[in-house]
Protein backbone atom coordinates (compact mmCIF):
# COMPACT_ATOMS: atom_id res chain seq x y z
CA UNK A 1 85.82 177.49 48.08
CA UNK A 2 83.03 180.01 47.54
CA UNK A 3 85.14 182.68 49.22
CA UNK A 4 88.08 181.99 46.88
CA UNK A 5 85.84 182.27 43.82
CA UNK A 6 84.40 185.57 45.06
CA UNK A 7 87.89 186.93 45.76
CA UNK A 8 89.08 185.86 42.33
CA UNK A 9 86.11 187.55 40.70
CA UNK A 10 86.65 190.69 42.73
CA UNK A 11 90.32 190.83 41.71
CA UNK A 12 89.41 190.24 38.06
CA UNK A 13 86.82 193.00 38.29
CA UNK A 14 89.37 195.31 39.86
CA UNK A 15 91.86 194.56 37.08
CA UNK A 16 89.19 195.29 34.47
CA UNK A 17 88.36 198.57 36.18
CA UNK A 18 92.03 199.50 36.33
CA UNK A 19 92.47 198.65 32.65
CA UNK A 20 89.37 200.64 31.75
CA UNK A 21 90.60 203.57 33.83
CA UNK A 22 94.04 203.48 32.22
CA UNK A 23 92.47 203.28 28.75
CA UNK A 24 90.20 206.19 29.58
CA UNK A 25 93.14 208.25 30.89
CA UNK A 26 95.14 207.44 27.78
CA UNK A 27 92.27 208.64 25.61
CA UNK A 28 91.96 211.80 27.71
CA UNK A 29 95.68 212.48 27.21
CA UNK A 30 95.30 211.91 23.46
CA UNK A 31 92.32 214.27 23.42
CA UNK A 32 94.27 216.90 25.36
CA UNK A 33 97.17 216.57 22.93
CA UNK A 34 94.80 216.84 19.97
CA UNK A 35 93.18 219.92 21.49
CA UNK A 36 96.61 221.45 22.09
CA UNK A 37 97.57 220.82 18.46
CA UNK A 38 94.29 222.37 17.34
CA UNK A 39 94.89 225.42 19.56
CA UNK A 40 98.39 225.80 18.14
CA UNK A 41 97.10 225.40 14.60
CA UNK A 42 94.39 228.00 15.27
CA UNK A 43 96.91 230.45 16.71
CA UNK A 44 99.18 229.92 13.71
CA UNK A 45 96.26 230.44 11.33
CA UNK A 46 95.19 233.56 13.22
CA UNK A 47 98.71 234.98 13.08
CA UNK A 48 98.90 234.13 9.40
CA UNK A 49 95.61 235.95 8.79
CA UNK A 50 96.87 238.99 10.74
CA UNK A 51 100.14 239.02 8.80
CA UNK A 52 98.28 238.61 5.51
CA UNK A 53 95.95 241.48 6.38
CA UNK A 54 98.91 243.72 7.26
CA UNK A 55 100.61 242.79 3.99
CA UNK A 56 97.41 243.51 2.06
CA UNK A 57 97.06 246.90 3.74
CA UNK A 58 100.69 247.74 2.98
CA UNK A 59 100.08 246.76 -0.64
CA UNK A 60 96.95 248.92 -0.76
CA UNK A 61 98.90 251.84 0.69
CA UNK A 62 101.76 251.36 -1.77
CA UNK A 63 99.38 251.24 -4.75
CA UNK A 64 97.48 254.31 -3.55
CA UNK A 65 100.70 256.24 -2.94
CA UNK A 66 101.85 255.39 -6.47
CA UNK A 67 98.60 256.76 -7.88
CA UNK A 68 98.86 259.82 -5.67
CA UNK A 69 102.42 260.35 -6.86
CA UNK A 70 101.16 260.25 -10.43
CA UNK A 71 98.43 262.79 -9.63
CA UNK A 72 100.93 265.06 -7.84
CA UNK A 73 103.34 264.83 -10.77
CA UNK A 74 100.52 265.94 -13.04
CA UNK A 75 99.73 268.91 -10.79
CA UNK A 76 103.41 269.83 -10.35
CA UNK A 77 103.63 270.62 -14.07
CA UNK A 78 101.09 273.42 -13.60
CA UNK A 79 101.64 276.13 -10.93
CA UNK A 80 97.92 276.96 -11.09
CA UNK A 81 96.78 273.55 -9.87
CA UNK A 82 99.64 272.64 -7.52
CA UNK A 83 98.19 271.50 -4.20
CA UNK A 84 94.63 271.54 -5.55
CA UNK A 85 93.93 267.84 -5.02
CA UNK A 86 95.30 267.86 -1.47
CA UNK A 87 93.01 270.75 -0.57
CA UNK A 88 90.03 269.08 -2.22
CA UNK A 89 90.75 265.86 -0.32
CA UNK A 90 91.06 267.68 3.00
CA UNK A 91 87.82 269.66 2.53
CA UNK A 92 86.00 266.55 1.30
CA UNK A 93 86.98 264.68 4.48
CA UNK A 94 85.78 267.60 6.64
CA UNK A 95 82.47 267.73 4.82
CA UNK A 96 81.96 263.96 5.02
CA UNK A 97 82.62 263.85 8.76
CA UNK A 98 80.41 266.90 9.38
CA UNK A 99 77.66 265.16 7.39
CA UNK A 100 77.83 262.22 9.82
CA UNK A 101 79.55 259.82 7.45
CA UNK A 102 81.62 257.13 9.25
CA UNK A 103 85.37 257.73 9.43
CA UNK A 104 86.37 254.88 7.11
CA UNK A 105 83.99 256.08 4.39
CA UNK A 106 85.02 259.70 4.94
CA UNK A 107 88.65 258.65 4.44
CA UNK A 108 87.72 256.89 1.20
CA UNK A 109 85.91 260.01 -0.02
CA UNK A 110 89.00 262.07 0.85
CA UNK A 111 91.17 259.64 -1.12
CA UNK A 112 88.85 260.05 -4.09
CA UNK A 113 89.26 263.80 -3.67
CA UNK A 114 93.03 263.37 -3.83
CA UNK A 115 92.74 261.40 -7.08
CA UNK A 116 89.78 263.17 -8.71
CA UNK A 117 91.88 264.70 -11.50
CA UNK A 118 94.00 261.61 -12.16
CA UNK A 119 92.35 261.07 -15.55
CA UNK A 120 93.69 264.40 -16.81
CA UNK A 121 96.91 262.54 -17.51
CA UNK A 122 95.18 261.48 -20.75
CA UNK A 123 94.28 265.08 -21.73
CA UNK A 124 96.65 266.76 -24.25
CA UNK A 125 98.73 269.57 -22.77
CA UNK A 126 97.34 272.05 -25.27
CA UNK A 127 93.82 271.44 -23.98
CA UNK A 128 94.73 271.07 -20.30
CA UNK A 129 96.77 274.30 -20.08
CA UNK A 130 94.84 276.43 -22.56
CA UNK A 131 94.46 279.93 -21.10
CA UNK A 132 91.34 280.80 -23.07
CA UNK A 133 87.97 279.19 -23.64
CA UNK A 134 87.85 275.64 -24.93
CA UNK A 135 86.21 274.75 -28.21
CA UNK A 136 83.38 272.21 -28.30
CA UNK A 137 85.83 269.56 -29.47
CA UNK A 138 88.28 270.42 -26.68
CA UNK A 139 85.48 270.28 -24.10
CA UNK A 140 84.55 266.82 -25.35
CA UNK A 141 88.15 265.74 -24.74
CA UNK A 142 88.28 267.40 -21.31
CA UNK A 143 85.03 265.75 -20.22
CA UNK A 144 86.58 262.31 -20.65
CA UNK A 145 88.84 262.71 -17.63
CA UNK A 146 86.37 261.44 -14.95
CA UNK A 147 85.87 258.23 -16.93
CA UNK A 148 89.62 257.83 -17.42
CA UNK A 149 90.18 258.39 -13.68
CA UNK A 150 87.68 255.64 -12.85
CA UNK A 151 89.22 253.31 -15.43
CA UNK A 152 92.70 253.76 -13.94
CA UNK A 153 91.58 252.69 -10.45
CA UNK A 154 88.95 250.16 -11.59
CA UNK A 155 91.27 247.12 -11.16
CA UNK A 156 91.68 247.95 -7.46
CA UNK A 157 88.92 246.02 -5.70
CA UNK A 158 89.55 247.79 -2.38
CA UNK A 159 88.83 251.16 -4.05
CA UNK A 160 85.66 250.20 -5.92
CA UNK A 161 83.57 252.90 -4.19
CA UNK A 162 86.29 255.43 -4.89
CA UNK A 163 86.16 254.59 -8.61
CA UNK A 164 82.43 255.41 -8.60
CA UNK A 165 83.16 258.80 -7.01
CA UNK A 166 85.87 259.56 -9.58
CA UNK A 167 83.49 258.78 -12.42
CA UNK A 168 80.65 260.94 -11.11
CA UNK A 169 82.29 263.96 -9.45
CA UNK A 170 81.29 266.16 -12.42
CA UNK A 171 77.62 265.15 -12.32
CA UNK A 172 75.30 267.98 -11.35
CA UNK A 173 72.20 268.18 -9.15
CA UNK A 174 69.96 269.20 -12.08
CA UNK A 175 71.30 266.49 -14.41
CA UNK A 176 73.42 268.89 -16.48
CA UNK A 177 76.72 267.24 -15.56
CA UNK A 178 78.76 264.46 -17.12
CA UNK A 179 79.54 261.71 -18.02
CA UNK A 180 76.14 260.10 -17.30
CA UNK A 181 73.80 263.01 -16.63
CA UNK A 182 72.84 261.76 -13.17
CA UNK A 183 70.73 264.07 -11.03
CA UNK A 184 69.88 264.62 -7.36
CA UNK A 185 70.42 261.73 -4.99
CA UNK A 186 71.17 259.37 -7.86
CA UNK A 187 74.63 260.94 -7.71
CA UNK A 188 76.66 259.10 -5.00
CA UNK A 189 77.06 261.28 -1.93
CA UNK A 190 80.85 261.00 -2.11
CA UNK A 191 80.78 262.39 -5.65
CA UNK A 192 78.50 265.25 -4.55
CA UNK A 193 80.93 266.10 -1.74
CA UNK A 194 84.03 266.00 -3.95
CA UNK A 195 82.25 268.10 -6.59
CA UNK A 196 81.55 270.92 -4.12
CA UNK A 197 85.04 270.77 -2.58
CA UNK A 198 86.54 270.82 -6.08
CA UNK A 199 84.51 273.85 -7.15
CA UNK A 200 85.25 275.80 -3.96
CA UNK A 201 89.00 275.25 -4.26
CA UNK A 202 88.97 276.07 -7.98
CA UNK A 203 87.15 279.33 -7.28
CA UNK A 204 89.60 280.35 -4.55
CA UNK A 205 92.73 279.44 -6.57
CA UNK A 206 94.53 281.32 -9.34
CA UNK A 207 93.81 279.92 -12.79
CA UNK A 208 95.25 280.79 -16.24
CA UNK A 209 91.99 282.53 -17.19
CA UNK A 210 91.40 284.49 -13.92
CA UNK A 211 92.83 285.36 -10.51
CA UNK A 212 91.49 283.70 -7.40
CA UNK A 213 88.19 284.85 -5.97
CA UNK A 214 87.75 285.94 -2.38
CA UNK A 215 86.14 283.53 0.04
CA UNK A 216 83.05 285.75 0.15
CA UNK A 217 82.67 285.74 -3.63
CA UNK A 218 83.27 281.98 -3.83
CA UNK A 219 80.59 281.44 -1.20
CA UNK A 220 78.20 283.69 -3.10
CA UNK A 221 78.68 281.61 -6.24
CA UNK A 222 78.27 278.33 -4.38
CA UNK A 223 75.09 279.61 -2.74
CA UNK A 224 73.81 280.68 -6.15
CA UNK A 225 74.19 277.10 -7.44
CA UNK A 226 72.81 275.37 -4.34
CA UNK A 227 69.73 273.40 -5.32
CA UNK A 228 70.48 273.99 -9.00
CA UNK A 229 73.74 272.31 -9.99
CA UNK A 230 74.92 271.50 -6.45
CA UNK A 231 73.38 269.53 -3.59
CA UNK A 232 71.78 272.24 -1.39
CA UNK A 233 72.42 270.63 2.00
CA UNK A 234 76.04 269.72 1.26
CA UNK A 235 76.66 273.15 -0.23
CA UNK A 236 75.36 274.79 2.96
CA UNK A 237 77.65 272.48 4.94
CA UNK A 238 80.67 273.46 2.82
CA UNK A 239 79.87 277.15 3.25
CA UNK A 240 79.64 276.76 7.03
CA UNK A 241 82.95 274.90 7.23
CA UNK A 242 84.82 277.32 4.99
CA UNK A 243 83.27 280.31 6.80
CA UNK A 244 84.61 278.91 10.07
CA UNK A 245 88.05 278.37 8.51
CA UNK A 246 88.09 281.89 7.06
CA UNK A 247 87.11 283.35 10.45
CA UNK A 248 89.94 281.47 12.14
CA UNK A 249 92.46 282.75 9.58
CA UNK A 250 91.25 286.32 10.21
CA UNK A 251 92.02 286.10 13.94
């Protein structure tokens, strides 16, 4: 009798173990399925984020190209400034990289160089193309273009730093610039770079009021302003880079 009871208890215990095992396995399978669904959901979310980022970048590119097209259309109306912004952008990128600025920031500075004159779209033709000296009133109108440039791109969150450069690329090292009279290192470095690139290209390009200057004369004028109206270190950097480029062209 005792043996039968023990056997019955053992069998009952075995059945309980089997049931517990099967329940545990079922829960493991449910957990595995849940984990698989989570992995799939994560992969889908990751792909969605990648696609969204690509779409955002394409949108950024499209917006920037539209602005660049507007700037190019403005330059195309004047044979004296055609290609100016592209050259400023290219020199600004060179200067930024040579100054040790990271590539992404150097690219942003170059983009600001491409768009630095965008605000001139708001300047009357009679002022913008005037071959002689501007009156005080005309200068006041002309000096609005950095602010207008910044206002045009201000809604673009991805180009916030570029908007700051556009606003301040006519500030000067000694505080004599505009629109805010910033001086020295209070002027963003990108604006200081674009300012020097802008001046160098303007000096070496034909303008309604004078023919282009030689590289040597442009360098002399830049050097004369280094530490006065222009950042001395960045000016020296620009001179070195353009000297190298001029030497290569002479070969």
